Amino acid sequence: ADSFAIARKLDMAVAFHLDDSMFWTRHPGLQQGGDHLEWTDWLGTKNTGRRIDWGPDPARIAPQLCFNSVPVMKAVKERAALIGREVAHEYRLLKGEGREHLFAGVIAGWETMLGRDFASGRATGFCALTNKGYSHNRPPSDVDTARAEVVKDFIELWAASVHREGVPRHLIYNHVAFTAQGLAGNKSDHPPGDTAFSDHYRPGFSTYPSPGALSEILALLKQHRTPPWASVEGTN
């Protein structure tokens, strides 16, 4: 409500950028040692914490969540519904005032990915893949592609849950930093750019000025008939 009030006062559009999975440890329905933590192998070894490389040295944050575990999906639906209801209410008020242009949208995610385990550096996602019916004896034909599908399903769950409360789909964006965008060495972490395209949301990308990044984004958009999109993190 405060953000919408500021938007009205300054005549400046407001958007809401949602942390979909990173800093979750204060959530009352998710505890550190539960079955909702991702695995680093088919044996069920839980990850020790997620690694982020935001500075000269790697940092450790909350463990990577298993995106399709029952507790996580329940938490997402409840939290997204709460946010969606409040945003939709304020959006309807803006429309009644003829000022709906002051709502720029909801960004459902924050460079959504299956992050690496801090202690071992190993990729995660084996819990989610097990939930999808895969195993050591029956692995997917391409593990990275299967993990990307898990990520996309998770983004769609957030977006659909926000939309269900009344936020228009054309005002919901995802947020990925896709593999080709100067991130070729992290294929196991960052999903491919195709993840950004869905009937549930508009594409949103990180747009840091690495050489060729914008050209890669534009080429990817052209492959998908050039839909509206957003720079949701980075530099102009």
C-alpha atoms as a PDB file:
ATOM      1  CA  ALA A   1       0.000   0.000   0.000  1.00  0.00           C
ATOM      2  CA  ASP A   2       2.854   2.387   0.820  1.00  0.00           C
ATOM      3  CA  SER A   3       4.504   1.661  -2.529  1.00  0.00           C
ATOM      4  CA  PHE A   4       1.310   2.357  -4.465  1.00  0.00           C
ATOM      5  CA  ALA A   5       0.822   5.569  -2.469  1.00  0.00           C
ATOM      6  CA  ILE A   6       4.321   6.702  -3.427  1.00  0.00           C
ATOM      7  CA  ALA A   7       3.611   5.828  -7.071  1.00  0.00           C
ATOM      8  CA  ARG A   8       0.527   8.048  -7.005  1.00  0.00           C
ATOM      9  CA  LYS A   9       2.342  10.912  -5.298  1.00  0.00           C
ATOM     10  CA  LEU A  10       5.363  10.914  -7.606  1.00  0.00           C
ATOM     11  CA  ASP A  11       3.528   9.776 -10.756  1.00  0.00           C
ATOM     12  CA  MET A  12       6.156   7.049 -11.069  1.00  0.00           C
ATOM     13  CA  ALA A  13       5.280   3.434 -11.872  1.00  0.00           C
ATOM     14  CA  VAL A  14       5.888   0.770  -9.242  1.00  0.00           C
ATOM     15  CA  ALA A  15       6.854  -2.886  -9.712  1.00  0.00           C
ATOM     16  CA  PHE A  16       7.314  -5.650  -7.147  1.00  0.00           C
ATOM     17  CA  HIS A  17      10.323  -7.960  -7.408  1.00  0.00           C
ATOM     18  CA  LEU A  18       9.818 -11.221  -5.496  1.00  0.00           C
ATOM     19  CA  ASP A  19      12.552 -13.342  -3.947  1.00  0.00           C
ATOM     20  CA  ASP A  20      11.192 -16.727  -4.942  1.00  0.00           C
ATOM     21  CA  SER A  21      13.616 -19.034  -3.129  1.00  0.00           C
ATOM     22  CA  MET A  22      16.820 -17.497  -1.767  1.00  0.00           C
ATOM     23  CA  PHE A  23      16.292 -16.054   1.730  1.00  0.00           C
ATOM     24  CA  TRP A  24      13.584 -18.302   3.097  1.00  0.00           C
ATOM     25  CA  THR A  25      14.854 -19.397   6.529  1.00  0.00           C
ATOM     26  CA  ARG A  26      12.392 -17.249   8.514  1.00  0.00           C
ATOM     27  CA  HIS A  27       9.391 -18.839   6.806  1.00  0.00           C
ATOM     28  CA  PRO A  28       7.401 -20.581   9.573  1.00  0.00           C
ATOM     29  CA  GLY A  29       6.465 -23.543   7.391  1.00  0.00           C
ATOM     30  CA  LEU A  30       9.994 -24.386   6.250  1.00  0.00           C
ATOM     31  CA  GLN A  31      12.659 -25.612   8.657  1.00  0.00           C
ATOM     32  CA  GLN A  32      16.343 -26.125   7.932  1.00  0.00           C
ATOM     33  CA  GLY A  33      16.450 -29.913   8.157  1.00  0.00           C
ATOM     34  CA  GLY A  34      13.234 -30.853   6.379  1.00  0.00           C
ATOM     35  CA  ASP A  35      12.447 -32.866   3.290  1.00  0.00           C
ATOM     36  CA  HIS A  36      12.253 -29.682   1.230  1.00  0.00           C
ATOM     37  CA  LEU A  37      16.043 -29.318   0.833  1.00  0.00           C
ATOM     38  CA  GLU A  38      17.706 -30.176  -2.457  1.00  0.00           C
ATOM     39  CA  TRP A  39      20.104 -33.091  -2.923  1.00  0.00           C
ATOM     40  CA  THR A  40      23.554 -33.154  -4.481  1.00  0.00           C
ATOM     41  CA  ASP A  41      23.254 -36.757  -5.679  1.00  0.00           C
ATOM     42  CA  TRP A  42      20.765 -39.570  -6.248  1.00  0.00           C
ATOM     43  CA  LEU A  43      21.470 -40.884  -2.727  1.00  0.00           C
ATOM     44  CA  GLY A  44      19.613 -38.028  -1.062  1.00  0.00           C
ATOM     45  CA  THR A  45      22.613 -36.054   0.284  1.00  0.00           C
ATOM     46  CA  LYS A  46      21.161 -32.686   1.334  1.00  0.00           C
ATOM     47  CA  ASN A  47      22.957 -29.528   0.259  1.00  0.00           C
ATOM     48  CA  THR A  48      24.740 -27.586   2.988  1.00  0.00           C
ATOM     49  CA  GLY A  49      23.793 -24.130   1.740  1.00  0.00           C
ATOM     50  CA  ARG A  50      23.591 -22.290  -1.521  1.00  0.00           C
ATOM     51  CA  ARG A  51      26.710 -20.670  -2.978  1.00  0.00           C
ATOM     52  CA  ILE A  52      26.452 -17.153  -4.378  1.00  0.00           C
ATOM     53  CA  ASP A  53      29.267 -15.323  -6.139  1.00  0.00           C
ATOM     54  CA  TRP A  54      28.356 -11.713  -5.538  1.00  0.00           C
ATOM     55  CA  GLY A  55      31.803 -10.570  -4.433  1.00  0.00           C
ATOM     56  CA  PRO A  56      35.481 -11.503  -4.508  1.00  0.00           C
ATOM     57  CA  ASP A  57      34.796 -14.534  -2.304  1.00  0.00           C
ATOM     58  CA  PRO A  58      31.871 -17.000  -2.479  1.00  0.00           C
ATOM     59  CA  ALA A  59      29.178 -16.515   0.162  1.00  0.00           C
ATOM     60  CA  ARG A  60      26.916 -19.068   1.797  1.00  0.00           C
ATOM     61  CA  ILE A  61      23.183 -18.466   2.131  1.00  0.00           C
ATOM     62  CA  ALA A  62      20.177 -20.664   2.937  1.00  0.00           C
ATOM     63  CA  PRO A  63      20.185 -24.161   1.445  1.00  0.00           C
ATOM     64  CA  GLN A  64      18.743 -24.650  -2.010  1.00  0.00           C
ATOM     65  CA  LEU A  65      15.055 -25.558  -1.844  1.00  0.00           C
ATOM     66  CA  CYS A  66      13.592 -28.561  -3.636  1.00  0.00           C
ATOM     67  CA  PHE A  67      11.226 -26.684  -5.937  1.00  0.00           C
ATOM     68  CA  ASN A  68       8.621 -29.394  -6.370  1.00  0.00           C
ATOM     69  CA  SER A  69       8.559 -30.719  -2.802  1.00  0.00           C
ATOM     70  CA  VAL A  70       5.170 -30.564  -1.087  1.00  0.00           C
ATOM     71  CA  PRO A  71       6.178 -28.058   1.653  1.00  0.00           C
ATOM     72  CA  VAL A  72       7.764 -25.658  -0.844  1.00  0.00           C
ATOM     73  CA  MET A  73       4.855 -25.754  -3.262  1.00  0.00           C
ATOM     74  CA  LYS A  74       2.446 -25.135  -0.390  1.00  0.00           C
ATOM     75  CA  ALA A  75       4.523 -22.197   0.865  1.00  0.00           C
ATOM     76  CA  VAL A  76       4.746 -20.690  -2.621  1.00  0.00           C
ATOM     77  CA  LYS A  77       1.001 -20.918  -3.234  1.00  0.00           C
ATOM     78  CA  GLU A  78       0.212 -19.282   0.105  1.00  0.00           C
ATOM     79  CA  ARG A  79       2.806 -16.496  -0.152  1.00  0.00           C
ATOM     80  CA  ALA A  80       2.056 -15.742  -3.806  1.00  0.00           C
ATOM     81  CA  ALA A  81      -1.674 -15.644  -3.071  1.00  0.00           C
ATOM     82  CA  LEU A  82      -1.121 -13.162  -0.236  1.00  0.00           C
ATOM     83  CA  ILE A  83       1.001 -10.896  -2.426  1.00  0.00           C
ATOM     84  CA  GLY A  84      -1.302 -11.320  -5.414  1.00  0.00           C
ATOM     85  CA  ARG A  85      -4.411 -10.339  -3.446  1.00  0.00           C
ATOM     86  CA  GLU A  86      -2.864  -7.139  -2.116  1.00  0.00           C
ATOM     87  CA  VAL A  87      -1.362  -6.113  -5.447  1.00  0.00           C
ATOM     88  CA  ALA A  88      -4.569  -6.873  -7.349  1.00  0.00           C
ATOM     89  CA  HIS A  89      -6.586  -4.801  -4.866  1.00  0.00           C
ATOM     90  CA  GLU A  90      -4.323  -1.779  -5.344  1.00  0.00           C
ATOM     91  CA  TYR A  91      -4.295  -2.287  -9.112  1.00  0.00           C
ATOM     92  CA  ARG A  92      -8.093  -2.224  -9.210  1.00  0.00           C
ATOM     93  CA  LEU A  93      -8.040   1.043  -7.268  1.00  0.00           C
ATOM     94  CA  LEU A  94      -5.617   2.520  -9.794  1.00  0.00           C
ATOM     95  CA  LYS A  95      -7.831   1.410 -12.662  1.00  0.00           C
ATOM     96  CA  GLY A  96     -10.779   3.084 -10.999  1.00  0.00           C
ATOM     97  CA  GLU A  97      -8.751   6.295 -10.946  1.00  0.00           C
ATOM     98  CA  GLY A  98      -7.708   5.909 -14.575  1.00  0.00           C
ATOM     99  CA  ARG A  99      -4.071   5.548 -13.501  1.00  0.00           C
ATOM    100  CA  GLU A 100      -3.385   1.858 -14.084  1.00  0.00           C
ATOM    101  CA  HIS A 101      -0.215   2.842 -15.975  1.00  0.00           C
ATOM    102  CA  LEU A 102       1.363   3.410 -12.550  1.00  0.00           C
ATOM    103  CA  PHE A 103       1.561  -0.349 -11.974  1.00  0.00           C
ATOM    104  CA  ALA A 104       4.504  -1.787 -13.923  1.00  0.00           C
ATOM    105  CA  GLY A 105       3.990  -5.370 -12.764  1.00  0.00           C
ATOM    106  CA  VAL A 106       5.188  -8.237 -10.601  1.00  0.00           C
ATOM    107  CA  ILE A 107       8.543  -9.908 -11.251  1.00  0.00           C
ATOM    108  CA  ALA A 108       8.064 -13.496 -10.070  1.00  0.00           C
ATOM    109  CA  GLY A 109      11.574 -14.649  -9.294  1.00  0.00           C
ATOM    110  CA  TRP A 110      15.139 -13.534  -8.750  1.00  0.00           C
ATOM    111  CA  GLU A 111      17.504 -15.129 -11.263  1.00  0.00           C
ATOM    112  CA  THR A 112      15.627 -18.347 -10.567  1.00  0.00           C
ATOM    113  CA  MET A 113      17.912 -21.373 -10.710  1.00  0.00           C
ATOM    114  CA  LEU A 114      19.000 -24.510  -8.895  1.00  0.00           C
ATOM    115  CA  GLY A 115      22.112 -23.208  -7.157  1.00  0.00           C
ATOM    116  CA  ARG A 116      25.271 -25.080  -6.247  1.00  0.00           C
ATOM    117  CA  ASP A 117      26.055 -26.599  -2.858  1.00  0.00           C
ATOM    118  CA  PHE A 118      28.377 -24.337  -0.887  1.00  0.00           C
ATOM    119  CA  ALA A 119      30.567 -26.998   0.730  1.00  0.00           C
ATOM    120  CA  SER A 120      31.111 -29.313  -2.223  1.00  0.00           C
ATOM    121  CA  GLY A 121      30.441 -27.088  -5.220  1.00  0.00           C
ATOM    122  CA  ARG A 122      28.198 -29.828  -6.601  1.00  0.00           C
ATOM    123  CA  ALA A 123      25.082 -29.124  -8.628  1.00  0.00           C
ATOM    124  CA  THR A 124      21.700 -29.697  -6.988  1.00  0.00           C
ATOM    125  CA  GLY A 125      18.313 -30.752  -8.326  1.00  0.00           C
ATOM    126  CA  PHE A 126      18.318 -34.484  -7.642  1.00  0.00           C
ATOM    127  CA  CYS A 127      15.483 -34.212  -5.123  1.00  0.00           C
ATOM    128  CA  ALA A 128      13.252 -32.509  -7.683  1.00  0.00           C
ATOM    129  CA  LEU A 129      14.254 -34.985 -10.388  1.00  0.00           C
ATOM    130  CA  THR A 130      13.448 -37.881  -8.045  1.00  0.00           C
ATOM    131  CA  ASN A 131      10.029 -36.351  -7.425  1.00  0.00           C
ATOM    132  CA  LYS A 132       9.527 -36.340 -11.207  1.00  0.00           C
ATOM    133  CA  GLY A 133      10.182 -40.079 -11.360  1.00  0.00           C
ATOM    134  CA  TYR A 134      13.868 -40.158 -12.281  1.00  0.00           C
ATOM    135  CA  SER A 135      16.530 -42.117 -10.401  1.00  0.00           C
ATOM    136  CA  HIS A 136      20.131 -43.308 -10.578  1.00  0.00           C
ATOM    137  CA  ASN A 137      18.932 -46.296 -12.605  1.00  0.00           C
ATOM    138  CA  ARG A 138      16.541 -44.204 -14.675  1.00  0.00           C
ATOM    139  CA  PRO A 139      18.159 -40.782 -15.188  1.00  0.00           C
ATOM    140  CA  PRO A 140      16.900 -38.182 -17.660  1.00  0.00           C
ATOM    141  CA  SER A 141      18.526 -38.225 -21.082  1.00  0.00           C
ATOM    142  CA  ASP A 142      19.911 -34.738 -20.364  1.00  0.00           C
ATOM    143  CA  VAL A 143      20.170 -33.781 -16.697  1.00  0.00           C
ATOM    144  CA  ASP A 144      20.586 -30.041 -17.374  1.00  0.00           C
ATOM    145  CA  THR A 145      17.478 -29.962 -19.574  1.00  0.00           C
ATOM    146  CA  ALA A 146      15.475 -31.811 -16.925  1.00  0.00           C
ATOM    147  CA  ARG A 147      16.682 -29.404 -14.237  1.00  0.00           C
ATOM    148  CA  ALA A 148      15.689 -26.451 -16.432  1.00  0.00           C
ATOM    149  CA  GLU A 149      12.194 -27.910 -16.698  1.00  0.00           C
ATOM    150  CA  VAL A 150      12.030 -28.024 -12.898  1.00  0.00           C
ATOM    151  CA  VAL A 151      12.998 -24.349 -12.748  1.00  0.00           C
ATOM    152  CA  LYS A 152      10.388 -23.366 -15.329  1.00  0.00           C
ATOM    153  CA  ASP A 153       7.663 -25.297 -13.495  1.00  0.00           C
ATOM    154  CA  PHE A 154       8.594 -23.414 -10.321  1.00  0.00           C
ATOM    155  CA  ILE A 155       8.415 -20.006 -12.003  1.00  0.00           C
ATOM    156  CA  GLU A 156       5.061 -20.919 -13.498  1.00  0.00           C
ATOM    157  CA  LEU A 157       3.775 -21.938 -10.060  1.00  0.00           C
ATOM    158  CA  TRP A 158       4.659 -18.500  -8.661  1.00  0.00           C
ATOM    159  CA  ALA A 159       3.210 -16.664 -11.657  1.00  0.00           C
ATOM    160  CA  ALA A 160       0.003 -18.705 -11.789  1.00  0.00           C
ATOM    161  CA  SER A 161      -0.554 -18.262  -8.047  1.00  0.00           C
ATOM    162  CA  VAL A 162      -0.138 -14.473  -8.316  1.00  0.00           C
ATOM    163  CA  HIS A 163      -2.394 -14.316 -11.385  1.00  0.00           C
ATOM    164  CA  ARG A 164      -5.106 -16.391  -9.705  1.00  0.00           C
ATOM    165  CA  GLU A 165      -5.685 -13.521  -7.272  1.00  0.00           C
ATOM    166  CA  GLY A 166      -6.331 -11.004 -10.048  1.00  0.00           C
ATOM    167  CA  VAL A 167      -2.974  -9.712 -11.310  1.00  0.00           C
ATOM    168  CA  PRO A 168      -3.130  -9.705 -15.149  1.00  0.00           C
ATOM    169  CA  ARG A 169      -0.764 -12.140 -16.856  1.00  0.00           C
ATOM    170  CA  HIS A 170       0.665  -9.410 -19.101  1.00  0.00           C
ATOM    171  CA  LEU A 171       1.883  -7.652 -15.937  1.00  0.00           C
ATOM    172  CA  ILE A 172       3.769 -10.666 -14.557  1.00  0.00           C
ATOM    173  CA  TYR A 173       7.406 -11.230 -15.541  1.00  0.00           C
ATOM    174  CA  ASN A 174       9.931 -13.896 -14.740  1.00  0.00           C
ATOM    175  CA  HIS A 175      13.618 -13.252 -14.036  1.00  0.00           C
ATOM    176  CA  VAL A 176      16.419 -15.404 -15.384  1.00  0.00           C
ATOM    177  CA  ALA A 177      20.067 -14.892 -16.218  1.00  0.00           C
ATOM    178  CA  PHE A 178      20.239 -17.374 -19.052  1.00  0.00           C
ATOM    179  CA  THR A 179      23.163 -19.621 -19.877  1.00  0.00           C
ATOM    180  CA  ALA A 180      24.354 -17.990 -23.088  1.00  0.00           C
ATOM    181  CA  GLN A 181      24.632 -14.524 -21.562  1.00  0.00           C
ATOM    182  CA  GLY A 182      28.276 -14.752 -20.565  1.00  0.00           C
ATOM    183  CA  LEU A 183      27.466 -17.652 -18.239  1.00  0.00           C
ATOM    184  CA  ALA A 184      28.575 -20.627 -20.315  1.00  0.00           C
ATOM    185  CA  GLY A 185      30.701 -21.962 -17.457  1.00  0.00           C
ATOM    186  CA  ASN A 186      27.653 -22.223 -15.189  1.00  0.00           C
ATOM    187  CA  LYS A 187      25.331 -24.301 -17.361  1.00  0.00           C
ATOM    188  CA  SER A 188      24.402 -26.489 -14.431  1.00  0.00           C
ATOM    189  CA  ASP A 189      23.187 -23.459 -12.461  1.00  0.00           C
ATOM    190  CA  HIS A 190      21.551 -20.997 -14.840  1.00  0.00           C
ATOM    191  CA  PRO A 191      18.671 -22.288 -16.986  1.00  0.00           C
ATOM    192  CA  PRO A 192      18.673 -21.698 -20.760  1.00  0.00           C
ATOM    193  CA  GLY A 193      16.957 -18.620 -22.137  1.00  0.00           C
ATOM    194  CA  ASP A 194      13.938 -20.573 -23.367  1.00  0.00           C
ATOM    195  CA  THR A 195      12.911 -20.857 -19.706  1.00  0.00           C
ATOM    196  CA  ALA A 196      11.885 -17.198 -19.869  1.00  0.00           C
ATOM    197  CA  PHE A 197       9.006 -17.871 -22.270  1.00  0.00           C
ATOM    198  CA  SER A 198       5.639 -19.130 -21.054  1.00  0.00           C
ATOM    199  CA  ASP A 199       1.927 -18.427 -21.286  1.00  0.00           C
ATOM    200  CA  HIS A 200       2.060 -17.632 -17.548  1.00  0.00           C
ATOM    201  CA  TYR A 201       4.456 -14.659 -17.705  1.00  0.00           C
ATOM    202  CA  ARG A 202       6.403 -12.286 -19.902  1.00  0.00           C
ATOM    203  CA  PRO A 203      10.168 -12.742 -20.217  1.00  0.00           C
ATOM    204  CA  GLY A 204      12.482 -10.827 -17.897  1.00  0.00           C
ATOM    205  CA  PHE A 205      16.270 -10.912 -17.995  1.00  0.00           C
ATOM    206  CA  SER A 206      19.320  -9.713 -16.135  1.00  0.00           C
ATOM    207  CA  THR A 207      21.044  -7.258 -18.482  1.00  0.00           C
ATOM    208  CA  TYR A 208      24.555  -6.615 -17.246  1.00  0.00           C
ATOM    209  CA  PRO A 209      26.836  -5.177 -19.954  1.00  0.00           C
ATOM    210  CA  SER A 210      28.883  -8.252 -20.800  1.00  0.00           C
ATOM    211  CA  PRO A 211      29.992  -8.246 -24.464  1.00  0.00           C
ATOM    212  CA  GLY A 212      27.245  -9.436 -26.775  1.00  0.00           C
ATOM    213  CA  ALA A 213      24.670  -9.872 -24.011  1.00  0.00           C
ATOM    214  CA  LEU A 214      22.008  -7.613 -25.533  1.00  0.00           C
ATOM    215  CA  SER A 215      22.496  -9.172 -28.966  1.00  0.00           C
ATOM    216  CA  GLU A 216      21.964 -12.608 -27.436  1.00  0.00           C
ATOM    217  CA  ILE A 217      18.788 -11.464 -25.696  1.00  0.00           C
ATOM    218  CA  LEU A 218      17.423  -9.908 -28.891  1.00  0.00           C
ATOM    219  CA  ALA A 219      18.217 -13.040 -30.906  1.00  0.00           C
ATOM    220  CA  LEU A 220      16.462 -15.171 -28.309  1.00  0.00           C
ATOM    221  CA  LEU A 221      13.406 -12.892 -28.361  1.00  0.00           C
ATOM    222  CA  LYS A 222      13.278 -13.110 -32.160  1.00  0.00           C
ATOM    223  CA  GLN A 223      13.144 -16.908 -31.914  1.00  0.00           C
ATOM    224  CA  HIS A 224      10.005 -16.478 -29.814  1.00  0.00           C
ATOM    225  CA  ARG A 225       8.261 -13.899 -32.069  1.00  0.00           C
ATOM    226  CA  THR A 226       9.601 -10.899 -30.148  1.00  0.00           C
ATOM    227  CA  PRO A 227       7.177 -10.599 -27.216  1.00  0.00           C
ATOM    228  CA  PRO A 228       7.238  -7.653 -24.803  1.00  0.00           C
ATOM    229  CA  TRP A 229       9.996  -8.139 -22.234  1.00  0.00           C
ATOM    230  CA  ALA A 230      11.740  -6.396 -19.353  1.00  0.00           C
ATOM    231  CA  SER A 231      15.202  -5.744 -18.049  1.00  0.00           C
ATOM    232  CA  VAL A 232      14.528  -6.747 -14.446  1.00  0.00           C
ATOM    233  CA  GLU A 233      18.082  -6.495 -13.101  1.00  0.00           C
ATOM    234  CA  GLY A 234      21.297  -4.967 -14.328  1.00  0.00           C
ATOM    235  CA  THR A 235      22.270  -1.682 -15.944  1.00  0.00           C
ATOM    236  CA  ASN A 236      20.580   0.479 -18.556  1.00  0.00           C
END
